[in-house]
Amino acid sequence: FFLCLCLSAFVHVSVAVIVVVAVAETLPVPNQTKAIAAYAGKLTGFYPKDPFLQAKADEAIDGLTDISDLVTDTMQERDPQRKIQWRQHLISSKGRMFMLLSGLEALCVQNGSNGHIAGDGWTVSDFAVWRAVGWLSSGVIDGIPPTYMQNTFPGLWQVHKAVDMLPKVGQWKAAHPHHYRGR
C-alpha cells in the first residue's frame, strides 16, 4: 500500500486518489509484494511494457523481498550480540544477503549500469531499490554498516542516488520526514 501511494505521488494527485480508492475500498487488496508492485506500477506507468523488462523488474522485487525477509528473520534473536553476528554473516562474502545483493548488482550491470534496474526509464524496481538501499544504509540495522551498500554494490548505490535526486522524491521525503529521519 505504501508503494502504491509513493508511486502515485510521483505521477499526480488524481492517480493517488484512484490507487487509494481502488486498493482500499473497491477491489480486494493484493497481499504479496510483487503483485502490489506490479499493480501500482501498471496504474502509474512505472511498470515496463516489454515482457522481458517486466521479468527483470519482477526479479529485482523478488530479490529485495528475500533480502527483507532475511533481515526480518534476524529480529527474532533476542541477544543483541548474536543478532549483530547473524547480520554480519549475512553480509559476509559467504552470506545469503551478499549473494542476493550480488545478483541485484548483476542486474544493474546487465542493464548497462545506467542507473536503472530494467530498461532506461523509471520502474517500480528502481523505486524499490531506492527504498531498500536507503533502509540498509540508514544505520538503524545493527550489524550492517551504513557504508556497506555504497562500498560493496556501486550499481545499486547508483540506482539509489539517481532516484534520490528526482525532484518528486525530494518533495515526497519533505512531505513525509518521519520515514527519513537522520538520512
Protein backbone atom coordinates (compact mmCIF):
# COMPACT_ATOMS: atom_id res chain seq x y z
CA PHE A 1 0.00 0.00 0.00
CA PHE A 2 2.84 2.40 0.84
CA LEU A 3 4.43 1.66 -2.54
CA CYS A 4 1.12 2.46 -4.26
CA LEU A 5 0.90 5.81 -2.51
CA CYS A 6 4.57 6.57 -3.07
CA LEU A 7 4.40 5.83 -6.79
CA SER A 8 1.15 7.70 -7.10
CA ALA A 9 2.70 10.78 -5.57
CA PHE A 10 5.23 10.80 -8.40
CA VAL A 11 2.54 10.99 -11.06
CA HIS A 12 -0.23 13.32 -9.86
CA VAL A 13 -2.98 13.60 -7.29
CA SER A 14 -5.75 12.04 -9.39
CA VAL A 15 -3.80 8.80 -9.72
CA ALA A 16 -3.22 8.81 -5.95
CA VAL A 17 -6.96 9.02 -5.45
CA ILE A 18 -7.54 6.21 -7.96
CA VAL A 19 -4.97 3.98 -6.26
CA VAL A 20 -6.29 4.65 -2.76
CA VAL A 21 -9.91 4.10 -3.80
CA ALA A 22 -9.18 1.04 -5.93
CA VAL A 23 -6.92 -0.65 -3.41
CA ALA A 24 -8.55 0.42 -0.17
CA GLU A 25 -12.25 0.43 -0.96
CA THR A 26 -13.28 -1.12 -4.26
CA LEU A 27 -11.09 -4.11 -5.03
CA PRO A 28 -9.57 -6.80 -2.86
CA VAL A 29 -6.09 -5.72 -1.81
CA PRO A 30 -3.18 -7.69 -3.33
CA ASN A 31 -1.27 -9.35 -0.50
CA GLN A 32 2.15 -10.11 -1.98
CA THR A 33 4.89 -7.59 -2.61
CA LYS A 34 5.41 -8.36 -6.31
CA ALA A 35 1.66 -8.28 -7.00
CA ILE A 36 1.32 -4.94 -5.22
CA ALA A 37 4.33 -3.52 -7.07
CA ALA A 38 3.09 -4.72 -10.48
CA TYR A 39 -0.41 -3.38 -9.81
CA ALA A 40 0.83 0.00 -8.60
CA GLY A 41 3.36 0.17 -11.42
CA LYS A 42 0.73 -0.53 -14.07
CA LEU A 43 -1.61 2.10 -12.63
CA THR A 44 1.11 4.73 -12.51
CA GLY A 45 3.06 3.89 -15.67
CA PHE A 46 6.10 2.66 -13.71
CA TYR A 47 5.85 -0.96 -14.87
CA PRO A 48 7.71 -1.91 -18.06
CA LYS A 49 5.59 -2.68 -21.10
CA ASP A 50 8.17 -5.09 -22.54
CA PRO A 51 7.68 -8.64 -21.13
CA PHE A 52 11.43 -9.22 -20.69
CA LEU A 53 11.84 -5.96 -18.76
CA GLN A 54 8.77 -6.87 -16.70
CA ALA A 55 10.52 -10.11 -15.74
CA LYS A 56 13.68 -8.19 -14.80
CA ALA A 57 11.69 -5.71 -12.70
CA ASP A 58 9.90 -8.62 -11.00
CA GLU A 59 13.24 -10.37 -10.43
CA ALA A 60 14.50 -7.31 -8.56
CA ILE A 61 11.32 -7.06 -6.47
CA ASP A 62 11.61 -10.77 -5.58
CA GLY A 63 15.28 -10.38 -4.62
CA LEU A 64 14.52 -7.36 -2.45
CA THR A 65 11.70 -9.27 -0.77
CA ASP A 66 14.10 -12.12 0.01
CA ILE A 67 16.58 -9.62 1.49
CA SER A 68 13.89 -8.04 3.62
CA ASP A 69 12.87 -11.50 4.84
CA LEU A 70 16.48 -12.22 5.85
CA VAL A 71 16.65 -9.08 7.99
CA THR A 72 13.22 -9.81 9.45
CA ASP A 73 14.37 -13.32 10.42
CA THR A 74 17.21 -11.81 12.47
CA MET A 75 14.74 -9.83 14.56
CA GLN A 76 13.72 -13.00 16.37
CA GLU A 77 17.15 -13.14 18.05
CA ARG A 78 16.90 -11.55 21.49
CA ASP A 79 20.62 -11.45 22.25
CA PRO A 80 21.91 -8.20 20.65
CA GLN A 81 25.43 -9.53 20.04
CA ARG A 82 24.19 -12.71 18.36
CA LYS A 83 21.81 -10.62 16.25
CA ILE A 84 24.71 -8.47 15.08
CA GLN A 85 26.82 -11.56 14.34
CA TRP A 86 23.95 -13.10 12.37
CA ARG A 87 23.61 -9.96 10.26
CA GLN A 88 27.36 -9.68 9.77
CA HIS A 89 27.38 -13.25 8.50
CA LEU A 90 24.52 -12.43 6.10
CA ILE A 91 26.55 -9.61 4.52
CA SER A 92 29.87 -11.51 4.51
CA SER A 93 31.15 -12.79 1.18
CA LYS A 94 29.67 -16.22 2.04
CA GLY A 95 26.37 -14.84 3.32
CA ARG A 96 22.96 -15.18 1.71
CA MET A 97 22.28 -11.42 1.68
CA PHE A 98 25.59 -10.81 -0.07
CA MET A 99 24.63 -13.41 -2.67
CA LEU A 100 21.21 -11.83 -3.26
CA LEU A 101 22.61 -8.30 -3.42
CA SER A 102 25.29 -9.53 -5.84
CA GLY A 103 22.50 -10.85 -8.07
CA LEU A 104 20.78 -7.46 -8.00
CA GLU A 105 24.11 -5.77 -8.71
CA ALA A 106 24.42 -8.06 -11.75
CA LEU A 107 21.02 -6.80 -12.95
CA CYS A 108 22.42 -3.26 -12.88
CA VAL A 109 25.42 -4.33 -14.97
CA GLN A 110 23.26 -6.36 -17.39
CA ASN A 111 21.14 -3.24 -17.85
CA GLY A 112 24.17 -1.18 -18.85
CA SER A 113 24.90 0.44 -15.47
CA ASN A 114 22.57 3.26 -16.49
CA GLY A 115 21.06 4.00 -13.08
CA HIS A 116 18.04 1.75 -13.70
CA ILE A 117 17.28 -1.89 -12.97
CA ALA A 118 15.18 -2.73 -16.03
CA GLY A 119 15.34 -0.64 -19.18
CA ASP A 120 16.13 3.04 -19.48
CA GLY A 121 13.08 4.50 -17.74
CA TRP A 122 11.87 4.58 -14.15
CA THR A 123 10.17 1.41 -12.93
CA VAL A 124 8.79 0.10 -9.67
CA SER A 125 12.03 -1.84 -9.27
CA ASP A 126 14.08 1.39 -9.26
CA PHE A 127 11.90 2.84 -6.52
CA ALA A 128 12.06 -0.42 -4.57
CA VAL A 129 15.87 -0.46 -4.82
CA TRP A 130 15.94 3.18 -3.69
CA ARG A 131 13.94 2.37 -0.59
CA ALA A 132 15.78 -0.87 0.23
CA VAL A 133 19.25 0.65 -0.21
CA GLY A 134 18.16 3.61 1.91
CA TRP A 135 16.99 1.25 4.64
CA LEU A 136 20.12 -0.93 4.52
CA SER A 137 22.30 2.22 4.59
CA SER A 138 20.37 4.02 7.30
CA GLY A 139 22.41 2.79 10.24
CA VAL A 140 19.30 1.51 12.02
CA ILE A 141 20.06 -2.16 11.32
CA ASP A 142 22.72 -3.14 13.84
CA GLY A 143 25.40 -5.25 12.18
CA ILE A 144 25.03 -3.67 8.73
CA PRO A 145 27.38 -0.69 8.39
CA PRO A 146 25.83 2.43 6.81
CA THR A 147 28.56 2.39 4.13
CA TYR A 148 28.10 -1.28 3.21
CA MET A 149 25.87 -0.72 0.18
CA GLN A 150 27.83 2.22 -1.19
CA ASN A 151 31.16 0.44 -0.82
CA THR A 152 30.10 -3.03 -1.95
CA PHE A 153 27.38 -2.57 -4.58
CA PRO A 154 28.11 0.51 -6.73
CA GLY A 155 25.37 -0.27 -9.27
CA LEU A 156 22.65 -0.49 -6.64
CA TRP A 157 24.04 2.64 -5.00
CA GLN A 158 23.88 4.39 -8.39
CA VAL A 159 20.20 3.47 -8.77
CA HIS A 160 19.54 4.65 -5.21
CA LYS A 161 21.25 8.00 -5.79
CA ALA A 162 19.56 8.53 -9.17
CA VAL A 163 16.11 8.01 -7.66
CA ASP A 164 17.00 10.09 -4.62
CA MET A 165 17.89 13.02 -6.91
CA LEU A 166 14.45 13.11 -8.54
CA PRO A 167 12.65 16.32 -7.57
CA LYS A 168 9.40 14.46 -6.82
CA VAL A 169 11.27 12.10 -4.50
CA GLY A 170 12.67 15.10 -2.64
CA GLN A 171 9.15 16.50 -2.36
CA TRP A 172 7.88 13.14 -1.10
CA LYS A 173 10.62 12.93 1.52
CA ALA A 174 9.97 16.51 2.64
CA ALA A 175 6.25 15.76 2.99
CA HIS A 176 6.93 12.53 4.94
CA PRO A 177 10.03 13.27 7.05
CA HIS A 178 9.14 10.70 9.71
CA HIS A 179 10.09 7.96 7.20
CA TYR A 180 13.51 9.51 6.52
CA ARG A 181 14.74 10.82 9.86
CA GLY A 182 18.51 11.13 10.02
CA ARG A 183 19.11 10.09 6.40
